Amino acid sequence: MKIQPLSDRVVVQTQDAEEQTASGLYIPDTAKEKPQRGIVLAVGPGRVENGNKIAMTVEPGDAVLYGKYSGTEVTLDNTEYMIMRESDILGIIQ
């Protein structure tokens, strides 16, 4: 299934949260935090502001960080995705 976002929205496939700390301790499922990073799968055409089209700065394939409570969670074909505005993205991981 393919999702095409509208306006300045982005489809991000979430990456799983860490299962082990840097010191080697395993984190139980109940203590895991919501993932805050993912891979951009699709981007919308951009937004129009005062009659001018503003292009998107992220591209499909970019690894990004986003806010903990950003976007809307969607599950399609047993895969979790986030649909959010580009402004909810905090940064691109290089």
C-alpha atoms as a PDB file:
ATOM      1  CA  MET A   1       0.000   0.000   0.000  1.00  0.00           C
ATOM      2  CA  LYS A   2       1.279   3.463  -0.859  1.00  0.00           C
ATOM      3  CA  ILE A   3       0.535   6.702   1.002  1.00  0.00           C
ATOM      4  CA  GLN A   4       0.890  10.072  -0.738  1.00  0.00           C
ATOM      5  CA  PRO A   5       0.878  12.895   1.836  1.00  0.00           C
ATOM      6  CA  LEU A   6      -0.750  16.234   1.056  1.00  0.00           C
ATOM      7  CA  SER A   7       0.488  19.794   1.594  1.00  0.00           C
ATOM      8  CA  ASP A   8       3.514  19.948   3.937  1.00  0.00           C
ATOM      9  CA  ARG A   9       2.987  16.511   5.461  1.00  0.00           C
ATOM     10  CA  VAL A  10       5.558  13.715   5.605  1.00  0.00           C
ATOM     11  CA  VAL A  11       5.194   9.925   5.980  1.00  0.00           C
ATOM     12  CA  VAL A  12       7.835   8.481   8.320  1.00  0.00           C
ATOM     13  CA  GLN A  13       8.452   4.802   9.072  1.00  0.00           C
ATOM     14  CA  THR A  14       9.313   4.608  12.757  1.00  0.00           C
ATOM     15  CA  GLN A  15      12.456   2.857  13.936  1.00  0.00           C
ATOM     16  CA  ASP A  16      12.244   0.637  17.001  1.00  0.00           C
ATOM     17  CA  ALA A  17      13.327   2.032  20.347  1.00  0.00           C
ATOM     18  CA  GLU A  18      16.564   0.827  21.898  1.00  0.00           C
ATOM     19  CA  GLU A  19      16.257  -2.543  23.656  1.00  0.00           C
ATOM     20  CA  GLN A  20      19.531  -2.297  25.524  1.00  0.00           C
ATOM     21  CA  THR A  21      21.288   0.566  27.317  1.00  0.00           C
ATOM     22  CA  ALA A  22      24.889   1.558  26.606  1.00  0.00           C
ATOM     23  CA  SER A  23      25.964  -0.305  29.756  1.00  0.00           C
ATOM     24  CA  GLY A  24      24.309  -3.540  28.582  1.00  0.00           C
ATOM     25  CA  LEU A  25      21.055  -3.541  30.596  1.00  0.00           C
ATOM     26  CA  TYR A  26      17.948  -4.723  28.755  1.00  0.00           C
ATOM     27  CA  ILE A  27      14.923  -2.424  28.786  1.00  0.00           C
ATOM     28  CA  PRO A  28      11.541  -4.157  29.356  1.00  0.00           C
ATOM     29  CA  ASP A  29       8.699  -3.390  26.929  1.00  0.00           C
ATOM     30  CA  THR A  30       6.754  -1.506  29.608  1.00  0.00           C
ATOM     31  CA  ALA A  31       9.649   0.928  30.193  1.00  0.00           C
ATOM     32  CA  LYS A  32      10.491   1.658  26.550  1.00  0.00           C
ATOM     33  CA  GLU A  33       9.917   5.175  25.337  1.00  0.00           C
ATOM     34  CA  LYS A  34       8.022   5.997  22.191  1.00  0.00           C
ATOM     35  CA  PRO A  35      10.439   6.070  19.214  1.00  0.00           C
ATOM     36  CA  GLN A  36      11.514   9.529  18.102  1.00  0.00           C
ATOM     37  CA  ARG A  37      13.390   8.695  14.945  1.00  0.00           C
ATOM     38  CA  GLY A  38      12.505   7.234  11.587  1.00  0.00           C
ATOM     39  CA  ILE A  39      13.020   7.179   7.838  1.00  0.00           C
ATOM     40  CA  VAL A  40      11.085   9.488   5.519  1.00  0.00           C
ATOM     41  CA  LEU A  41       9.146   7.428   2.971  1.00  0.00           C
ATOM     42  CA  ALA A  42       7.147  10.118   1.174  1.00  0.00           C
ATOM     43  CA  VAL A  43       6.768  13.898   1.220  1.00  0.00           C
ATOM     44  CA  GLY A  44       3.947  16.147   0.105  1.00  0.00           C
ATOM     45  CA  PRO A  45       4.303  18.824  -2.578  1.00  0.00           C
ATOM     46  CA  GLY A  46       4.875  21.626  -0.045  1.00  0.00           C
ATOM     47  CA  ARG A  47       2.693  24.407   1.286  1.00  0.00           C
ATOM     48  CA  VAL A  48       1.480  27.684  -0.178  1.00  0.00           C
ATOM     49  CA  GLU A  49       1.981  30.801   1.921  1.00  0.00           C
ATOM     50  CA  ASN A  50       0.885  34.250   0.682  1.00  0.00           C
ATOM     51  CA  GLY A  51       0.614  32.876  -2.846  1.00  0.00           C
ATOM     52  CA  ASN A  52       4.184  31.526  -2.846  1.00  0.00           C
ATOM     53  CA  LYS A  53       4.936  27.810  -2.888  1.00  0.00           C
ATOM     54  CA  ILE A  54       7.396  26.758  -0.176  1.00  0.00           C
ATOM     55  CA  ALA A  55       9.287  23.598  -1.120  1.00  0.00           C
ATOM     56  CA  MET A  56       9.930  20.740   1.316  1.00  0.00           C
ATOM     57  CA  THR A  57      13.405  20.446   2.874  1.00  0.00           C
ATOM     58  CA  VAL A  58      13.268  16.720   3.666  1.00  0.00           C
ATOM     59  CA  GLU A  59      13.403  14.020   1.002  1.00  0.00           C
ATOM     60  CA  PRO A  60      12.460  10.344   0.914  1.00  0.00           C
ATOM     61  CA  GLY A  61      15.263   8.287   2.460  1.00  0.00           C
ATOM     62  CA  ASP A  62      16.270  10.921   5.041  1.00  0.00           C
ATOM     63  CA  ALA A  63      16.712   9.714   8.639  1.00  0.00           C
ATOM     64  CA  VAL A  64      14.954  12.205  10.913  1.00  0.00           C
ATOM     65  CA  LEU A  65      14.297  13.021  14.564  1.00  0.00           C
ATOM     66  CA  TYR A  66      10.814  14.196  15.546  1.00  0.00           C
ATOM     67  CA  GLY A  67       9.033  15.258  18.722  1.00  0.00           C
ATOM     68  CA  LYS A  68       7.785  12.630  21.148  1.00  0.00           C
ATOM     69  CA  TYR A  69       4.110  13.505  20.657  1.00  0.00           C
ATOM     70  CA  SER A  70       4.272  14.627  17.020  1.00  0.00           C
ATOM     71  CA  GLY A  71       2.101  13.411  14.198  1.00  0.00           C
ATOM     72  CA  THR A  72      -0.528  10.734  13.845  1.00  0.00           C
ATOM     73  CA  GLU A  73       0.224   7.028  14.139  1.00  0.00           C
ATOM     74  CA  VAL A  74      -1.087   4.885  11.295  1.00  0.00           C
ATOM     75  CA  THR A  75      -0.753   1.105  10.866  1.00  0.00           C
ATOM     76  CA  LEU A  76      -0.954  -0.320   7.350  1.00  0.00           C
ATOM     77  CA  ASP A  77      -0.089  -3.920   6.465  1.00  0.00           C
ATOM     78  CA  ASN A  78       1.201  -4.496  10.043  1.00  0.00           C
ATOM     79  CA  THR A  79       3.763  -1.685   9.700  1.00  0.00           C
ATOM     80  CA  GLU A  80       3.659   1.462  11.816  1.00  0.00           C
ATOM     81  CA  TYR A  81       3.952   4.846  10.140  1.00  0.00           C
ATOM     82  CA  MET A  82       3.760   8.417  11.363  1.00  0.00           C
ATOM     83  CA  ILE A  83       2.151  11.172   9.317  1.00  0.00           C
ATOM     84  CA  MET A  84       3.271  14.606  10.460  1.00  0.00           C
ATOM     85  CA  ARG A  85       3.875  18.129   9.285  1.00  0.00           C
ATOM     86  CA  GLU A  86       7.389  18.976   8.202  1.00  0.00           C
ATOM     87  CA  SER A  87       7.542  21.522  11.038  1.00  0.00           C
ATOM     88  CA  ASP A  88       7.243  18.617  13.560  1.00  0.00           C
ATOM     89  CA  ILE A  89      10.600  17.269  12.361  1.00  0.00           C
ATOM     90  CA  LEU A  90      13.397  18.429  14.646  1.00  0.00           C
ATOM     91  CA  GLY A  91      16.318  17.523  12.413  1.00  0.00           C
ATOM     92  CA  ILE A  92      17.881  15.290   9.785  1.00  0.00           C
ATOM     93  CA  ILE A  93      20.397  12.681  10.971  1.00  0.00           C
ATOM     94  CA  GLN A  94      23.534  12.737   8.819  1.00  0.00           C
END
